[in-house]
Amino acid sequence: MSNEQSTITVSRVIDASAGDIFHLLSNPERHHELDGSGMVVSDEKTDRIAAVGDVFTMNMSNAKMGDYKTENHVTGFSHNQLLAWKTAPAGTEPKGWEWMWELDSLGPDSTEVTLTYDWSKVTDKDTLKKVSFPMISKDELEGSLNKLAAAVSGS
């Protein structure tokens, strides 16, 4: 793994309120609509994310790993401003990679959304052997922002 880069961050202004965007992001049932990588299939537990410490389970699939589940441990929560979680294979503790959505309201119908994929805290040698970071590209993250913009305009 290269120590030169351990995060990817993308931003975009979306023509929707921070509240509308947060409402969509905090609903794991809709995450498959936002996934620019195509790996999220569906959620296993549809409770809305409400606080740090919540865990939501996603059904995933990709060519390299086949079908699998992840447990996502909420590490950041600030209503209408921030959602973050660390992902782990189901039944295990997070190994250090984190997803963070930051919302900066620019007015009643405009929000700058920043999505960060951070794998800087992955130190487990077995994980580093199995997983080639980054697993998601900058283009796929930008695709997630585009999908978010489309989903929030249609909700």
Protein backbone atom coordinates (compact mmCIF):
# COMPACT_ATOMS: atom_id res chain seq x y z
CA MET A 1 0.00 0.00 0.00
CA SER A 2 1.26 3.46 -0.81
CA ASN A 3 1.38 5.85 2.11
CA GLU A 4 1.24 8.78 -0.31
CA GLN A 5 -2.54 8.76 -0.53
CA SER A 6 -4.94 7.22 1.94
CA THR A 7 -8.07 9.29 1.27
CA ILE A 8 -10.16 10.33 -1.70
CA THR A 9 -12.47 13.30 -1.35
CA VAL A 10 -14.99 14.63 -3.86
CA SER A 11 -17.43 17.55 -3.58
CA ARG A 12 -20.40 18.83 -5.51
CA VAL A 13 -23.13 21.41 -5.04
CA ILE A 14 -26.55 19.76 -5.15
CA ASP A 15 -29.76 21.71 -5.68
CA ALA A 16 -31.55 20.48 -2.56
CA SER A 17 -31.70 21.40 1.10
CA ALA A 18 -29.24 19.86 3.56
CA GLY A 19 -32.28 18.45 5.37
CA ASP A 20 -33.57 16.63 2.29
CA ILE A 21 -30.13 15.23 1.50
CA PHE A 22 -29.52 14.14 5.11
CA HIS A 23 -32.96 12.48 5.20
CA LEU A 24 -31.99 10.38 2.18
CA LEU A 25 -28.43 9.58 3.40
CA SER A 26 -29.63 8.52 6.84
CA ASN A 27 -31.89 5.86 5.29
CA PRO A 28 -29.78 2.75 4.50
CA GLU A 29 -32.70 1.37 2.46
CA ARG A 30 -31.82 3.94 -0.22
CA HIS A 31 -28.01 3.52 -0.22
CA HIS A 32 -28.06 1.18 -3.23
CA GLU A 33 -29.45 4.11 -5.25
CA LEU A 34 -26.41 6.22 -4.33
CA ASP A 35 -23.60 3.75 -4.88
CA GLY A 36 -21.33 4.79 -7.74
CA SER A 37 -19.32 1.55 -7.46
CA GLY A 38 -22.28 -0.76 -8.05
CA MET A 39 -21.31 -2.94 -5.07
CA VAL A 40 -24.23 -2.10 -2.76
CA VAL A 41 -27.13 -4.44 -3.50
CA SER A 42 -29.58 -3.67 -0.68
CA ASP A 43 -29.79 -3.08 3.03
CA GLU A 44 -30.48 -5.84 5.50
CA LYS A 45 -31.87 -3.60 8.27
CA THR A 46 -33.94 -0.60 7.34
CA ASP A 47 -33.79 1.43 10.57
CA ARG A 48 -32.88 5.05 9.93
CA ILE A 49 -29.42 6.07 11.13
CA ALA A 50 -30.03 8.11 14.28
CA ALA A 51 -26.78 8.31 16.29
CA VAL A 52 -23.12 7.46 16.61
CA GLY A 53 -22.93 3.79 17.57
CA ASP A 54 -25.74 2.65 15.26
CA VAL A 55 -24.88 -0.29 13.01
CA PHE A 56 -26.52 -1.00 9.67
CA THR A 57 -25.97 -4.09 7.51
CA MET A 58 -25.66 -3.98 3.73
CA ASN A 59 -25.84 -6.77 1.16
CA MET A 60 -22.91 -6.34 -1.22
CA SER A 61 -21.59 -7.95 -4.40
CA ASN A 62 -18.58 -7.55 -6.64
CA ALA A 63 -16.66 -9.69 -9.13
CA LYS A 64 -13.67 -10.27 -6.85
CA MET A 65 -15.51 -11.13 -3.62
CA GLY A 66 -18.89 -12.39 -4.83
CA ASP A 67 -21.91 -11.82 -2.56
CA TYR A 68 -21.23 -10.76 1.03
CA LYS A 69 -22.55 -8.58 3.88
CA THR A 70 -20.98 -5.60 5.61
CA GLU A 71 -21.73 -4.08 8.97
CA ASN A 72 -21.37 -0.31 9.01
CA HIS A 73 -20.61 1.25 12.40
CA VAL A 74 -21.71 4.90 12.60
CA THR A 75 -18.77 7.04 13.76
CA GLY A 76 -20.09 10.52 12.97
CA PHE A 77 -23.58 11.97 13.20
CA SER A 78 -24.64 15.59 13.20
CA HIS A 79 -28.20 16.20 12.01
CA ASN A 80 -28.25 17.76 8.51
CA GLN A 81 -24.42 18.14 8.56
CA LEU A 82 -22.50 14.87 8.91
CA LEU A 83 -22.83 11.11 8.54
CA ALA A 84 -19.81 8.81 8.79
CA TRP A 85 -19.31 5.09 9.25
CA LYS A 86 -16.60 2.46 9.33
CA THR A 87 -17.27 -0.66 7.31
CA ALA A 88 -16.47 -4.22 8.37
CA PRO A 89 -17.18 -7.66 6.96
CA ALA A 90 -20.30 -8.92 8.78
CA GLY A 91 -19.47 -10.39 12.18
CA THR A 92 -16.14 -8.57 12.53
CA GLU A 93 -14.96 -5.27 13.94
CA PRO A 94 -14.12 -2.44 11.52
CA LYS A 95 -10.58 -2.65 10.14
CA GLY A 96 -10.15 1.10 9.68
CA TRP A 97 -11.73 2.34 6.45
CA GLU A 98 -14.37 5.02 6.77
CA TRP A 99 -16.95 6.82 4.64
CA MET A 100 -17.89 10.39 5.50
CA TRP A 101 -20.66 12.56 4.04
CA GLU A 102 -20.43 16.25 4.97
CA LEU A 103 -23.23 18.69 4.14
CA ASP A 104 -22.68 22.46 3.99
CA SER A 105 -25.94 24.33 3.49
CA LEU A 106 -25.57 27.13 0.95
CA GLY A 107 -29.21 28.18 1.28
CA PRO A 108 -32.69 26.64 1.41
CA ASP A 109 -32.25 24.74 -1.87
CA SER A 110 -28.49 24.34 -2.27
CA THR A 111 -25.96 22.21 -0.40
CA GLU A 112 -22.30 21.48 -0.94
CA VAL A 113 -21.86 17.75 -0.37
CA THR A 114 -18.42 16.33 0.34
CA LEU A 115 -17.83 12.57 0.28
CA THR A 116 -14.61 11.19 1.72
CA TYR A 117 -13.33 7.62 1.53
CA ASP A 118 -10.53 7.24 4.09
CA TRP A 119 -8.43 4.13 4.55
CA SER A 120 -5.59 5.82 6.49
CA LYS A 121 -6.36 3.90 9.69
CA VAL A 122 -6.13 0.43 8.12
CA THR A 123 -3.15 -1.18 9.85
CA ASP A 124 -4.14 -4.87 10.06
CA LYS A 125 -1.57 -6.75 7.96
CA ASP A 126 -4.05 -9.47 6.91
CA THR A 127 -6.53 -6.85 5.71
CA LEU A 128 -3.81 -5.04 3.78
CA LYS A 129 -2.84 -8.33 2.08
CA LYS A 130 -6.45 -9.17 1.14
CA VAL A 131 -7.72 -5.72 0.16
CA SER A 132 -6.16 -3.48 -2.47
CA PHE A 133 -6.84 0.08 -1.33
CA PRO A 134 -8.44 2.09 -2.65
CA MET A 135 -11.27 -0.30 -3.47
CA ILE A 136 -13.32 2.59 -4.89
CA SER A 137 -12.07 5.12 -7.44
CA LYS A 138 -12.50 8.89 -7.47
CA ASP A 139 -14.76 8.49 -10.53
CA GLU A 140 -16.98 6.06 -8.60
CA LEU A 141 -17.19 8.51 -5.69
CA GLU A 142 -18.16 11.29 -8.10
CA GLY A 143 -20.75 8.88 -9.49
CA SER A 144 -22.16 8.55 -5.98
CA LEU A 145 -22.56 12.34 -5.76
CA ASN A 146 -24.29 12.37 -9.16
CA LYS A 147 -26.62 9.56 -8.06
CA LEU A 148 -27.35 11.40 -4.82
CA ALA A 149 -28.29 14.52 -6.79
CA ALA A 150 -30.62 12.47 -9.01
CA ALA A 151 -32.17 10.59 -6.07
CA VAL A 152 -32.83 13.68 -3.95
CA SER A 153 -34.43 15.51 -6.88
CA GLY A 154 -36.74 12.53 -7.41
CA SER A 155 -37.68 12.00 -3.76
